[in-house]
Amino acid sequence: MKILILKISSLGDIVHTFPVVSYLRKRFPGAEIDWMVKKPYLGLIEAHPEVDLAITPNQGGEYDLIFDLQGNIKSGFLLNKIRGSTKVGFGLKSVSEWPNALFTSRRFNPPRGKNIREDYLFLVQNYFGDTTPFQAQPLVLKLGVSERREVERVQAGATLVCMGSRWPNKQLKEAEWIALLEQRASAPILFVWGTEEEKKQAEQLAVYFKGSRLLEKLSFPALQHVMAKSRLVIGVDSFPLHLAGTTSVPILGIFGPSSAEKYAPLGSEKIQRACPYGLTFEKRCPKLRRCKTGACMDVALENL
């Protein structure tokens, strides 16, 4: 059997679907499981031990079964170009963009109130008529030789702090980071970062917390291995926090304009504060892309 997972972006959303691969691999040990993903994220999927082949949207193929876990118009157009016996996706009540449903042959609506990882699993398991609870085990991404050396140089047992998110209104200001880390972090503290802006903030915090340091920029697999040898991972709702959820390390996630119940790694500790403007939401704040204040992040730490 040849199976294709269609989830091309973004990084955090891709990691949310990892339990689906584990489920399919357990159910079909001998199947070929491929994954279509955007080119910048190929390295992450190529490092996944249960994926046979990572392909980009300009590639194609023929499959017995395709799971569209993206659920938007773009993935619908991609589905239309890929030959497949059965194309499975979200139903009209849960799909991100309704035209996507024109390109799928089987559709399912996950029940409300579940974690996003459970939503993806629900879609796949229900196609097979399987209602047995499934819990993915910690994952170990594949490392190259140079990556392994990088990981070996990082001290074990540290508090690993993941500095940022690409959304400004998901980020913490320096004062909030200091208040959080003074209460929850223990030495040694290591900072990881993704952008130059995050790096500058991390450098300032490293000066404040004596004995802490910045790590060099790590590949996706190397970052996951560093997380796995840490004492605790602390971060905002972003890709690094969700990557930490593929390991067994304790996690503390800070949430504001997105729902911790929906997106936090299963079993993790989470801090969230209601919107100071009175907005409520099941998944993400309706003003996530427009709100510039980040005020919900300023008050989230009151729950410490």
Protein backbone atom coordinates (compact mmCIF):
# COMPACT_ATOMS: atom_id res chain seq x y z
CA MET A 1 0.00 0.00 0.00
CA LYS A 2 1.18 3.51 -0.86
CA ILE A 3 -0.04 6.30 1.43
CA LEU A 4 0.52 10.03 1.04
CA ILE A 5 0.17 12.62 3.80
CA LEU A 6 -0.52 16.07 2.41
CA LYS A 7 0.50 18.68 5.00
CA ILE A 8 2.72 21.29 3.42
CA SER A 9 2.93 23.95 6.16
CA SER A 10 3.49 25.50 8.64
CA LEU A 11 6.17 24.04 10.91
CA GLY A 12 4.08 23.81 14.08
CA ASP A 13 1.08 22.46 12.18
CA ILE A 14 3.28 19.83 10.54
CA VAL A 15 4.48 18.60 13.93
CA HIS A 16 0.85 18.38 15.12
CA THR A 17 0.29 15.66 12.51
CA PHE A 18 3.24 13.45 13.51
CA PRO A 19 1.02 11.10 15.57
CA VAL A 20 -0.82 10.26 12.33
CA VAL A 21 2.39 8.82 10.87
CA SER A 22 2.98 6.72 13.98
CA TYR A 23 -0.57 5.41 13.80
CA LEU A 24 -0.31 4.51 10.11
CA ARG A 25 3.07 2.86 10.59
CA LYS A 26 1.74 0.73 13.44
CA ARG A 27 -1.35 -0.24 11.45
CA PHE A 28 0.52 -0.88 8.18
CA PRO A 29 4.14 -1.81 9.02
CA GLY A 30 4.95 -2.63 5.40
CA ALA A 31 3.26 0.34 3.75
CA GLU A 32 5.09 3.10 1.89
CA ILE A 33 4.27 6.34 3.69
CA ASP A 34 5.24 9.52 1.84
CA TRP A 35 4.73 13.14 2.88
CA MET A 36 4.23 16.20 0.69
CA VAL A 37 5.68 19.34 2.29
CA LYS A 38 7.04 22.74 1.27
CA LYS A 39 10.72 22.73 0.33
CA PRO A 40 11.98 24.73 3.38
CA TYR A 41 10.58 22.02 5.66
CA LEU A 42 11.92 18.99 3.79
CA GLY A 43 14.70 18.47 6.33
CA LEU A 44 12.20 17.96 9.13
CA ILE A 45 10.24 15.31 7.23
CA GLU A 46 13.34 13.60 5.86
CA ALA A 47 14.50 13.16 9.47
CA HIS A 48 11.24 11.47 10.48
CA PRO A 49 12.06 7.77 11.03
CA GLU A 50 8.61 6.55 9.94
CA VAL A 51 8.34 8.48 6.66
CA ASP A 52 9.70 6.77 3.56
CA LEU A 53 9.88 9.73 1.20
CA ALA A 54 9.48 13.49 1.56
CA ILE A 55 8.30 15.22 -1.63
CA THR A 56 7.57 18.83 -2.55
CA PRO A 57 4.35 20.20 -4.12
CA ASN A 58 5.90 20.23 -7.60
CA GLN A 59 6.35 16.48 -7.42
CA GLY A 60 3.64 13.93 -7.90
CA GLY A 61 2.97 10.22 -7.91
CA GLU A 62 0.20 7.69 -7.60
CA TYR A 63 -1.16 6.50 -4.26
CA ASP A 64 -3.70 4.07 -2.90
CA LEU A 65 -4.67 6.47 -0.14
CA ILE A 66 -4.14 10.22 0.36
CA PHE A 67 -4.86 12.10 3.58
CA ASP A 68 -5.22 15.84 3.09
CA LEU A 69 -4.51 17.27 6.54
CA GLN A 70 -4.07 20.82 5.23
CA GLY A 71 -7.71 21.33 4.25
CA ASN A 72 -7.42 24.56 2.26
CA ILE A 73 -7.85 25.58 -1.38
CA LYS A 74 -4.17 25.13 -2.20
CA SER A 75 -4.06 21.57 -0.90
CA GLY A 76 -7.27 20.88 -2.85
CA PHE A 77 -5.56 21.93 -6.08
CA LEU A 78 -2.60 19.71 -5.18
CA LEU A 79 -4.98 16.82 -4.57
CA ASN A 80 -6.42 17.36 -8.02
CA LYS A 81 -2.97 16.87 -9.57
CA ILE A 82 -2.07 13.73 -7.62
CA ARG A 83 -3.36 10.38 -8.80
CA GLY A 84 -5.02 8.48 -5.97
CA SER A 85 -7.67 5.83 -5.45
CA THR A 86 -9.06 7.48 -2.31
CA LYS A 87 -8.61 11.07 -1.11
CA VAL A 88 -9.58 11.72 2.51
CA GLY A 89 -10.08 15.11 4.11
CA PHE A 90 -12.07 17.22 6.55
CA GLY A 91 -15.84 17.68 6.27
CA LEU A 92 -17.56 20.99 5.63
CA LYS A 93 -17.99 21.69 9.35
CA SER A 94 -14.26 21.50 10.07
CA VAL A 95 -12.35 22.13 6.83
CA SER A 96 -10.25 25.32 6.77
CA GLU A 97 -11.57 26.45 3.37
CA TRP A 98 -14.74 24.86 2.02
CA PRO A 99 -13.66 24.48 -1.66
CA ASN A 100 -11.18 21.88 -0.44
CA ALA A 101 -14.10 19.47 0.00
CA LEU A 102 -14.61 19.47 -3.78
CA PHE A 103 -11.38 17.50 -4.17
CA THR A 104 -11.82 14.80 -1.51
CA SER A 105 -13.81 11.57 -1.84
CA ARG A 106 -14.20 10.81 1.90
CA ARG A 107 -14.70 13.49 4.56
CA PHE A 108 -14.89 13.49 8.36
CA ASN A 109 -15.64 16.13 11.01
CA PRO A 110 -13.74 15.72 14.30
CA PRO A 111 -15.78 16.39 17.46
CA ARG A 112 -15.36 19.82 19.03
CA GLY A 113 -13.25 20.39 22.11
CA LYS A 114 -10.34 18.07 21.28
CA ASN A 115 -6.65 18.83 20.93
CA ILE A 116 -5.52 19.51 17.36
CA ARG A 117 -3.42 16.32 17.36
CA GLU A 118 -6.55 14.34 18.24
CA ASP A 119 -8.42 16.01 15.37
CA TYR A 120 -5.91 14.74 12.82
CA LEU A 121 -5.93 11.27 14.35
CA PHE A 122 -9.74 11.24 14.35
CA LEU A 123 -9.86 11.89 10.62
CA VAL A 124 -7.45 9.06 9.81
CA GLN A 125 -8.77 6.54 12.33
CA ASN A 126 -12.38 7.11 11.32
CA TYR A 127 -11.58 6.38 7.71
CA PHE A 128 -10.60 2.90 8.90
CA GLY A 129 -13.54 2.67 11.32
CA ASP A 130 -11.10 2.50 14.24
CA THR A 131 -12.28 3.97 17.55
CA THR A 132 -9.46 2.54 19.68
CA PRO A 133 -7.57 5.29 21.55
CA PHE A 134 -4.08 5.80 20.15
CA GLN A 135 -1.20 7.50 21.94
CA ALA A 136 1.96 8.25 20.00
CA GLN A 137 5.24 7.42 21.71
CA PRO A 138 8.20 9.83 21.91
CA LEU A 139 9.85 10.26 18.53
CA VAL A 140 13.55 10.25 17.73
CA LEU A 141 14.41 12.20 14.58
CA LYS A 142 17.35 11.01 12.51
CA LEU A 143 20.65 12.88 12.88
CA GLY A 144 23.57 13.34 10.53
CA VAL A 145 27.14 12.97 11.79
CA SER A 146 27.73 16.73 12.20
CA GLU A 147 24.35 17.17 13.88
CA ARG A 148 25.16 14.44 16.37
CA ARG A 149 28.39 16.23 17.30
CA GLU A 150 26.44 19.46 17.82
CA VAL A 151 24.03 17.72 20.18
CA GLU A 152 26.83 16.04 22.12
CA ARG A 153 28.39 19.45 22.85
CA VAL A 154 25.22 20.71 24.56
CA GLN A 155 25.00 20.22 28.30
CA ALA A 156 22.30 17.83 29.52
CA GLY A 157 19.80 18.68 32.26
CA ALA A 158 19.39 22.35 31.36
CA THR A 159 16.30 24.53 31.18
CA LEU A 160 15.85 25.16 27.46
CA VAL A 161 14.13 28.44 26.59
CA CYS A 162 12.59 28.82 23.11
CA MET A 163 12.58 32.54 22.51
CA GLY A 164 9.99 33.43 19.94
CA SER A 165 7.17 33.05 17.47
CA ARG A 166 6.78 34.55 14.02
CA TRP A 167 3.61 36.25 15.29
CA PRO A 168 4.53 39.36 17.32
CA ASN A 169 1.41 39.09 19.46
CA LYS A 170 2.48 35.62 20.65
CA GLN A 171 5.82 36.88 21.92
CA LEU A 172 6.86 37.80 25.45
CA LYS A 173 8.58 41.05 26.35
CA GLU A 174 11.87 40.95 28.23
CA ALA A 175 10.23 41.79 31.57
CA GLU A 176 7.78 38.90 31.19
CA TRP A 177 10.60 36.49 30.34
CA ILE A 178 12.53 37.59 33.42
CA ALA A 179 9.51 37.16 35.69
CA LEU A 180 8.79 33.72 34.25
CA LEU A 181 12.35 32.41 34.33
CA GLU A 182 13.06 33.68 37.83
CA GLN A 183 10.18 31.56 39.08
CA ARG A 184 10.30 28.48 36.85
CA ALA A 185 13.79 28.03 35.43
CA SER A 186 16.81 26.54 37.16
CA ALA A 187 20.43 26.75 36.07
CA PRO A 188 21.86 26.08 33.65
CA ILE A 189 19.60 28.00 31.24
CA LEU A 190 20.10 27.64 27.49
CA PHE A 191 18.42 29.89 24.93
CA VAL A 192 17.47 28.87 21.40
CA TRP A 193 16.35 31.34 18.77
CA GLY A 194 15.21 31.55 15.16
CA THR A 195 15.53 35.18 14.04
CA GLU A 196 18.05 37.93 14.65
CA GLU A 197 15.48 39.81 16.74
CA GLU A 198 15.00 36.75 18.96
CA LYS A 199 18.77 36.37 19.20
CA LYS A 200 19.16 39.95 20.47
CA GLN A 201 16.51 39.38 23.14
CA ALA A 202 18.15 36.11 24.15
CA GLU A 203 21.53 37.83 24.45
CA GLN A 204 20.05 40.37 26.85
CA LEU A 205 18.48 37.64 28.96
CA ALA A 206 21.71 35.67 28.98
CA VAL A 207 23.44 38.69 30.49
CA TYR A 208 20.73 38.98 33.15
CA PHE A 209 20.82 35.27 34.08
CA LYS A 210 24.42 34.60 34.98
CA GLY A 211 25.79 31.31 33.74
CA SER A 212 23.21 30.97 30.95
CA ARG A 213 24.15 31.01 27.27
CA LEU A 214 22.84 31.08 23.73
CA LEU A 215 23.09 28.01 21.57
CA GLU A 216 24.12 28.24 17.96
CA LYS A 217 21.30 27.92 15.47
CA LEU A 218 20.40 24.24 15.25
CA SER A 219 18.82 22.12 12.56
CA PHE A 220 15.32 20.79 13.27
CA PRO A 221 16.53 17.27 14.19
CA ALA A 222 19.41 18.58 16.33
CA LEU A 223 17.04 20.90 18.19
CA GLN A 224 14.75 17.99 18.98
CA HIS A 225 17.63 15.93 20.38
CA VAL A 226 18.79 18.85 22.53
CA MET A 227 15.25 19.15 23.87
CA ALA A 228 15.16 15.46 24.71
CA LYS A 229 18.23 15.81 26.97
CA SER A 230 16.90 18.93 28.75
CA ARG A 231 15.32 19.13 32.20
CA LEU A 232 12.52 21.44 31.04
CA VAL A 233 11.51 23.24 27.83
CA ILE A 234 9.79 26.63 28.17
CA GLY A 235 8.32 28.47 25.20
CA VAL A 236 5.43 30.34 23.65
CA ASP A 237 2.99 28.80 21.16
CA SER A 238 5.41 28.14 18.31
CA PHE A 239 7.18 25.39 16.38
CA PRO A 240 9.89 24.71 19.02
CA LEU A 241 7.28 24.19 21.74
CA HIS A 242 5.40 21.70 19.55
CA LEU A 243 8.63 19.96 18.54
CA ALA A 244 9.36 19.46 22.24
CA GLY A 245 6.02 17.65 22.43
CA THR A 246 7.46 14.82 20.33
CA THR A 247 9.84 14.00 23.19
CA SER A 248 9.23 12.98 26.80
CA VAL A 249 10.74 16.17 28.29
CA PRO A 250 8.53 18.26 30.66
CA ILE A 251 7.12 21.33 28.89
CA LEU A 252 5.77 24.70 30.01
CA GLY A 253 3.92 26.58 27.27
CA ILE A 254 2.71 30.19 27.35
CA PHE A 255 -0.49 30.89 25.41
CA GLY A 256 -2.39 34.09 24.70
CA PRO A 257 -4.16 34.55 21.34
CA SER A 258 -4.41 30.80 20.75
CA SER A 259 -6.06 28.12 22.84
CA ALA A 260 -3.75 26.07 25.02
CA GLU A 261 -6.40 23.35 25.23
CA LYS A 262 -6.39 23.14 21.44
CA TYR A 263 -2.72 23.49 20.62
CA ALA A 264 -0.52 22.73 23.64
CA PRO A 265 1.41 19.45 23.50
CA LEU A 266 -0.64 16.72 25.14
CA GLY A 267 0.26 16.27 28.80
CA SER A 268 2.23 19.52 29.02
CA GLU A 269 1.88 22.30 31.58
CA LYS A 270 0.37 25.46 30.14
CA ILE A 271 -0.33 29.04 31.14
CA GLN A 272 -3.12 31.00 29.51
CA ARG A 273 -5.04 34.17 30.23
CA ALA A 274 -8.38 35.26 28.76
CA CYS A 275 -8.31 38.12 26.25
CA PRO A 276 -8.35 41.47 28.13
CA TYR A 277 -10.80 42.75 25.52
CA GLY A 278 -13.35 40.02 26.25
CA LEU A 279 -12.89 37.96 23.08
CA THR A 280 -13.43 34.21 23.38
CA PHE A 281 -12.41 31.51 20.92
CA GLU A 282 -12.09 27.75 20.56
CA LYS A 283 -8.94 27.74 18.46
CA ARG A 284 -7.32 31.09 17.75
CA CYS A 285 -8.26 34.65 18.54
CA PRO A 286 -10.19 36.11 15.57
CA LYS A 287 -7.83 39.09 15.74
CA LEU A 288 -4.63 37.01 15.84
CA ARG A 289 -3.39 38.45 12.54
CA ARG A 290 -4.49 42.02 13.29
CA CYS A 291 -4.09 42.70 17.01
CA LYS A 292 -0.83 44.55 17.55
CA THR A 293 -0.90 44.94 21.32
CA GLY A 294 -0.13 41.40 22.49
CA ALA A 295 -1.90 42.41 25.69
CA CYS A 296 -3.06 38.87 26.42
CA MET A 297 0.59 37.78 26.64
CA ASP A 298 1.34 40.62 29.06
CA VAL A 299 -1.20 39.29 31.54
CA ALA A 300 -0.76 35.56 30.91
CA LEU A 301 1.90 35.29 33.58
CA GLU A 302 -0.54 36.21 36.32
CA ASN A 303 -1.29 32.49 36.44
CA LEU A 304 2.22 31.62 37.63
